[in-house]
N, C-alpha and C. Protein backbone atom coordinates (compact mmCIF):
# COMPACT_ATOMS: atom_id res chain seq x y z
N MET A 1 -1.04 20.52 3.35
CA MET A 1 -1.92 19.57 2.69
C MET A 1 -2.66 20.27 1.57
N THR A 2 -2.99 19.54 0.54
CA THR A 2 -3.61 20.11 -0.65
C THR A 2 -5.10 20.32 -0.49
N GLY A 3 -5.68 19.89 0.63
CA GLY A 3 -7.11 20.03 0.82
C GLY A 3 -7.90 18.83 0.33
N ARG A 4 -7.24 17.90 -0.30
CA ARG A 4 -7.90 16.68 -0.77
C ARG A 4 -7.75 15.59 0.28
N THR A 5 -8.77 14.78 0.42
CA THR A 5 -8.76 13.69 1.39
C THR A 5 -7.72 12.64 1.00
N LEU A 6 -7.03 12.12 2.01
CA LEU A 6 -6.02 11.10 1.80
C LEU A 6 -6.30 9.94 2.76
N TYR A 7 -6.25 8.72 2.24
CA TYR A 7 -6.52 7.53 3.03
C TYR A 7 -5.30 6.62 3.04
N LYS A 8 -5.07 5.99 4.19
CA LYS A 8 -4.09 4.92 4.30
C LYS A 8 -4.89 3.62 4.33
N VAL A 9 -4.64 2.75 3.36
CA VAL A 9 -5.39 1.50 3.23
C VAL A 9 -4.44 0.34 3.54
N THR A 10 -4.81 -0.48 4.51
CA THR A 10 -4.01 -1.64 4.90
C THR A 10 -4.79 -2.89 4.56
N PHE A 11 -4.17 -3.78 3.76
CA PHE A 11 -4.88 -4.99 3.35
C PHE A 11 -3.92 -6.17 3.27
N LEU A 12 -4.49 -7.36 3.34
CA LEU A 12 -3.74 -8.62 3.35
C LEU A 12 -3.89 -9.30 2.00
N THR A 13 -2.77 -9.73 1.42
CA THR A 13 -2.79 -10.49 0.18
C THR A 13 -1.53 -11.34 0.09
N HIS A 14 -1.69 -12.62 -0.27
CA HIS A 14 -0.58 -13.55 -0.48
C HIS A 14 0.38 -13.60 0.71
N GLY A 15 -0.15 -13.57 1.93
CA GLY A 15 0.68 -13.67 3.13
C GLY A 15 1.45 -12.41 3.48
N LYS A 16 1.11 -11.30 2.83
CA LYS A 16 1.77 -10.03 3.09
C LYS A 16 0.72 -8.97 3.42
N VAL A 17 1.09 -8.03 4.26
CA VAL A 17 0.23 -6.90 4.60
C VAL A 17 0.76 -5.68 3.85
N TYR A 18 -0.07 -5.11 3.00
CA TYR A 18 0.30 -3.94 2.21
C TYR A 18 -0.29 -2.69 2.85
N GLU A 19 0.48 -1.61 2.87
CA GLU A 19 0.00 -0.31 3.33
C GLU A 19 0.20 0.67 2.18
N LEU A 20 -0.91 1.11 1.60
CA LEU A 20 -0.89 2.03 0.46
C LEU A 20 -1.65 3.30 0.81
N TYR A 21 -1.41 4.35 0.07
CA TYR A 21 -2.14 5.60 0.23
C TYR A 21 -2.94 5.88 -1.03
N ALA A 22 -4.16 6.40 -0.84
CA ALA A 22 -5.05 6.67 -1.97
C ALA A 22 -5.91 7.88 -1.67
N ARG A 23 -6.40 8.49 -2.73
CA ARG A 23 -7.28 9.66 -2.59
C ARG A 23 -8.75 9.27 -2.51
N GLN A 24 -9.08 8.07 -2.97
CA GLN A 24 -10.49 7.68 -3.02
C GLN A 24 -10.66 6.23 -2.58
N VAL A 25 -11.57 6.01 -1.62
CA VAL A 25 -11.92 4.67 -1.14
C VAL A 25 -13.44 4.62 -1.04
N GLU A 26 -14.05 3.62 -1.67
CA GLU A 26 -15.51 3.49 -1.68
C GLU A 26 -15.91 2.03 -1.54
N SER A 27 -17.14 1.80 -1.05
CA SER A 27 -17.65 0.44 -1.11
C SER A 27 -17.86 0.16 -2.60
N GLY A 28 -17.48 -1.00 -3.02
CA GLY A 28 -17.43 -1.30 -4.44
C GLY A 28 -18.77 -1.47 -5.11
N ARG A 29 -18.75 -1.23 -6.42
CA ARG A 29 -19.93 -1.53 -7.24
C ARG A 29 -20.10 -3.03 -7.37
N LEU A 30 -18.97 -3.75 -7.19
CA LEU A 30 -19.03 -5.21 -7.14
C LEU A 30 -19.30 -5.59 -5.70
N TRP A 31 -20.33 -6.35 -5.45
CA TRP A 31 -20.72 -6.70 -4.10
C TRP A 31 -19.58 -7.42 -3.39
N GLY A 32 -19.24 -6.97 -2.18
CA GLY A 32 -18.21 -7.61 -1.37
C GLY A 32 -16.81 -7.08 -1.61
N PHE A 33 -16.68 -6.01 -2.40
CA PHE A 33 -15.37 -5.45 -2.70
C PHE A 33 -15.29 -3.99 -2.28
N VAL A 34 -14.07 -3.56 -1.95
CA VAL A 34 -13.77 -2.16 -1.65
C VAL A 34 -12.97 -1.63 -2.82
N GLU A 35 -13.37 -0.47 -3.35
CA GLU A 35 -12.66 0.14 -4.47
C GLU A 35 -11.69 1.19 -3.94
N VAL A 36 -10.43 1.04 -4.31
CA VAL A 36 -9.38 1.98 -3.93
C VAL A 36 -8.82 2.56 -5.22
N SER A 37 -8.89 3.88 -5.35
CA SER A 37 -8.39 4.50 -6.59
C SER A 37 -7.59 5.75 -6.27
N GLU A 38 -6.97 6.29 -7.30
CA GLU A 38 -6.07 7.44 -7.19
C GLU A 38 -4.97 7.16 -6.17
N LEU A 39 -4.24 6.07 -6.40
CA LEU A 39 -3.14 5.70 -5.51
C LEU A 39 -2.08 6.79 -5.52
N VAL A 40 -1.46 7.01 -4.36
CA VAL A 40 -0.47 8.08 -4.20
C VAL A 40 0.89 7.44 -3.91
N PHE A 41 1.88 7.80 -4.72
CA PHE A 41 3.24 7.34 -4.53
C PHE A 41 4.15 8.55 -4.43
N ASP A 42 5.24 8.43 -3.66
CA ASP A 42 6.24 9.50 -3.59
C ASP A 42 7.02 9.50 -4.88
N VAL A 43 7.26 10.68 -5.40
CA VAL A 43 8.07 10.82 -6.60
C VAL A 43 9.37 11.48 -6.18
N HIS A 44 10.45 10.72 -6.24
CA HIS A 44 11.76 11.25 -5.85
C HIS A 44 12.56 11.55 -7.11
N GLU A 45 13.06 12.76 -7.18
CA GLU A 45 13.87 13.15 -8.33
C GLU A 45 15.36 12.99 -8.03
N GLY A 46 15.73 12.88 -6.75
CA GLY A 46 17.13 12.83 -6.37
C GLY A 46 17.69 11.42 -6.35
N LEU A 47 18.80 11.28 -5.66
CA LEU A 47 19.48 9.99 -5.58
C LEU A 47 18.86 9.06 -4.54
N VAL A 48 18.21 9.62 -3.54
CA VAL A 48 17.63 8.78 -2.49
C VAL A 48 16.32 8.19 -3.00
N VAL A 49 16.26 6.86 -3.02
CA VAL A 49 15.08 6.17 -3.52
C VAL A 49 14.64 5.17 -2.45
N ASP A 50 13.35 5.14 -2.16
CA ASP A 50 12.80 4.17 -1.23
C ASP A 50 12.47 2.92 -2.02
N PRO A 51 13.19 1.80 -1.80
CA PRO A 51 12.96 0.60 -2.61
C PRO A 51 11.56 0.02 -2.45
N THR A 52 10.97 0.14 -1.25
CA THR A 52 9.62 -0.38 -1.05
C THR A 52 8.62 0.44 -1.86
N GLU A 53 8.75 1.76 -1.81
CA GLU A 53 7.86 2.64 -2.57
C GLU A 53 8.01 2.37 -4.06
N GLU A 54 9.24 2.14 -4.50
CA GLU A 54 9.50 1.85 -5.91
C GLU A 54 8.86 0.52 -6.31
N ARG A 55 8.94 -0.47 -5.43
CA ARG A 55 8.32 -1.78 -5.70
C ARG A 55 6.80 -1.66 -5.79
N LEU A 56 6.20 -0.91 -4.86
CA LEU A 56 4.75 -0.72 -4.88
C LEU A 56 4.31 0.03 -6.13
N GLN A 57 5.09 1.03 -6.52
CA GLN A 57 4.75 1.78 -7.72
C GLN A 57 4.88 0.89 -8.95
N GLY A 58 5.87 0.01 -8.95
CA GLY A 58 6.01 -0.93 -10.06
C GLY A 58 4.84 -1.90 -10.15
N GLU A 59 4.34 -2.32 -8.99
CA GLU A 59 3.23 -3.27 -8.94
C GLU A 59 1.88 -2.61 -9.20
N PHE A 60 1.66 -1.41 -8.66
CA PHE A 60 0.35 -0.76 -8.73
C PHE A 60 0.34 0.56 -9.50
N GLY A 61 1.47 0.96 -10.08
CA GLY A 61 1.57 2.26 -10.73
C GLY A 61 0.59 2.50 -11.86
N ASN A 62 0.25 1.47 -12.60
CA ASN A 62 -0.68 1.61 -13.73
C ASN A 62 -2.10 1.20 -13.37
N THR A 63 -2.36 1.01 -12.09
CA THR A 63 -3.68 0.56 -11.64
C THR A 63 -4.62 1.76 -11.53
N ARG A 64 -5.73 1.69 -12.25
CA ARG A 64 -6.74 2.75 -12.19
C ARG A 64 -7.57 2.60 -10.92
N THR A 65 -8.09 1.38 -10.67
CA THR A 65 -8.88 1.10 -9.48
C THR A 65 -8.50 -0.28 -8.97
N LEU A 66 -8.23 -0.36 -7.68
CA LEU A 66 -7.91 -1.62 -7.03
C LEU A 66 -9.17 -2.13 -6.35
N HIS A 67 -9.63 -3.31 -6.74
CA HIS A 67 -10.83 -3.92 -6.15
C HIS A 67 -10.37 -4.95 -5.12
N LEU A 68 -10.55 -4.66 -3.85
CA LEU A 68 -10.10 -5.54 -2.77
C LEU A 68 -11.28 -6.24 -2.13
N PRO A 69 -11.21 -7.56 -1.94
CA PRO A 69 -12.28 -8.24 -1.21
C PRO A 69 -12.39 -7.66 0.20
N MET A 70 -13.62 -7.43 0.66
CA MET A 70 -13.81 -6.80 1.97
C MET A 70 -13.05 -7.51 3.07
N GLN A 71 -13.01 -8.85 3.03
CA GLN A 71 -12.37 -9.59 4.11
C GLN A 71 -10.85 -9.42 4.12
N SER A 72 -10.26 -8.92 3.03
CA SER A 72 -8.81 -8.70 3.02
C SER A 72 -8.42 -7.32 3.54
N VAL A 73 -9.38 -6.41 3.63
CA VAL A 73 -9.09 -5.05 4.10
C VAL A 73 -9.02 -5.07 5.63
N LEU A 74 -7.87 -4.71 6.16
CA LEU A 74 -7.67 -4.70 7.61
C LEU A 74 -8.05 -3.36 8.23
N ARG A 75 -7.77 -2.27 7.49
CA ARG A 75 -8.00 -0.95 8.06
C ARG A 75 -7.98 0.09 6.95
N VAL A 76 -8.84 1.12 7.12
CA VAL A 76 -8.82 2.29 6.25
C VAL A 76 -8.79 3.50 7.18
N GLU A 77 -7.77 4.33 7.03
CA GLU A 77 -7.62 5.51 7.89
C GLU A 77 -7.60 6.77 7.03
N GLU A 78 -8.32 7.79 7.45
CA GLU A 78 -8.19 9.10 6.82
C GLU A 78 -7.05 9.80 7.53
N VAL A 79 -6.03 10.22 6.78
CA VAL A 79 -4.82 10.79 7.36
C VAL A 79 -4.58 12.21 6.87
N GLU A 80 -3.76 12.95 7.61
CA GLU A 80 -3.42 14.33 7.26
C GLU A 80 -2.38 14.38 6.14
N LYS A 81 -1.35 13.49 6.24
CA LYS A 81 -0.30 13.50 5.23
C LYS A 81 0.18 12.08 4.99
N LYS A 82 0.83 11.89 3.86
CA LYS A 82 1.31 10.58 3.48
C LYS A 82 2.51 10.19 4.33
N GLY A 83 2.48 8.95 4.79
CA GLY A 83 3.61 8.38 5.51
C GLY A 83 4.33 7.38 4.63
N GLN A 84 5.06 6.50 5.27
CA GLN A 84 5.82 5.48 4.57
C GLN A 84 4.90 4.34 4.13
N SER A 85 4.88 4.03 2.86
CA SER A 85 4.18 2.84 2.38
C SER A 85 5.02 1.63 2.78
N ALA A 86 4.37 0.49 2.95
CA ALA A 86 5.14 -0.67 3.41
C ALA A 86 4.51 -1.97 2.92
N ILE A 87 5.33 -3.00 2.90
CA ILE A 87 4.89 -4.37 2.69
C ILE A 87 5.47 -5.14 3.87
N ARG A 88 4.60 -5.79 4.64
CA ARG A 88 5.04 -6.53 5.83
C ARG A 88 4.66 -8.00 5.69
N ASP A 89 5.46 -8.84 6.33
CA ASP A 89 5.12 -10.26 6.43
C ASP A 89 3.95 -10.38 7.40
N ALA A 90 2.89 -11.08 7.01
CA ALA A 90 1.69 -11.17 7.84
C ALA A 90 1.95 -11.88 9.16
N ALA A 91 2.82 -12.88 9.17
CA ALA A 91 3.07 -13.66 10.38
C ALA A 91 3.97 -12.92 11.37
N SER A 92 5.07 -12.34 10.88
CA SER A 92 6.04 -11.72 11.78
C SER A 92 5.85 -10.22 11.93
N GLY A 93 5.23 -9.58 10.96
CA GLY A 93 5.06 -8.13 10.99
C GLY A 93 6.29 -7.37 10.52
N GLU A 94 7.34 -8.11 10.16
CA GLU A 94 8.57 -7.46 9.68
C GLU A 94 8.37 -6.91 8.28
N VAL A 95 9.01 -5.78 8.02
CA VAL A 95 8.95 -5.17 6.69
C VAL A 95 9.68 -6.07 5.70
N VAL A 96 9.03 -6.34 4.58
CA VAL A 96 9.62 -7.16 3.52
C VAL A 96 10.44 -6.23 2.64
N THR A 97 11.72 -6.57 2.46
CA THR A 97 12.58 -5.75 1.61
C THR A 97 12.52 -6.28 0.18
N PRO A 98 12.63 -5.40 -0.80
CA PRO A 98 12.56 -5.84 -2.19
C PRO A 98 13.85 -6.51 -2.68
N PHE A 99 14.88 -6.54 -1.86
CA PHE A 99 16.11 -7.22 -2.25
C PHE A 99 16.43 -8.27 -1.20
N PRO A 100 17.06 -9.37 -1.59
CA PRO A 100 17.29 -10.46 -0.65
C PRO A 100 18.28 -10.07 0.44
N LEU A 101 18.03 -10.55 1.64
CA LEU A 101 18.93 -10.35 2.76
C LEU A 101 19.65 -11.66 3.05
N PRO A 102 20.85 -11.58 3.63
CA PRO A 102 21.54 -12.83 3.97
C PRO A 102 20.76 -13.61 5.01
N ALA A 103 20.84 -14.92 4.94
CA ALA A 103 20.11 -15.77 5.89
C ALA A 103 20.65 -15.54 7.31
N ARG A 104 19.74 -15.56 8.27
CA ARG A 104 20.13 -15.40 9.67
C ARG A 104 20.64 -16.73 10.21
N PRO A 105 21.71 -16.67 11.02
CA PRO A 105 22.18 -17.93 11.64
C PRO A 105 21.18 -18.42 12.66
N ARG A 106 21.06 -19.70 12.79
CA ARG A 106 20.09 -20.28 13.74
C ARG A 106 20.72 -20.65 15.02
């Protein structure tokens, strides 16, 4: 570990549960908001690419500070090392893939 604090932030938005990693989490200067900044993404130079991580980086890569309403934040954890970032369906808890899957037979 680099000696810098790392947080796993889990929040709900648009029917999905996002799990992101950040270096800084504070109660917001805007009343009722949590400020999440210095987002951490895996940088892969090889052929193996995590599509979820790539999707999150595409969505939040240029974000300086994420202002989340307090009621949308489900959990903030201080962690030793970065794990897998994820986007889950809020109802089922299943990981949402960035590419379409074939429909399941009923």
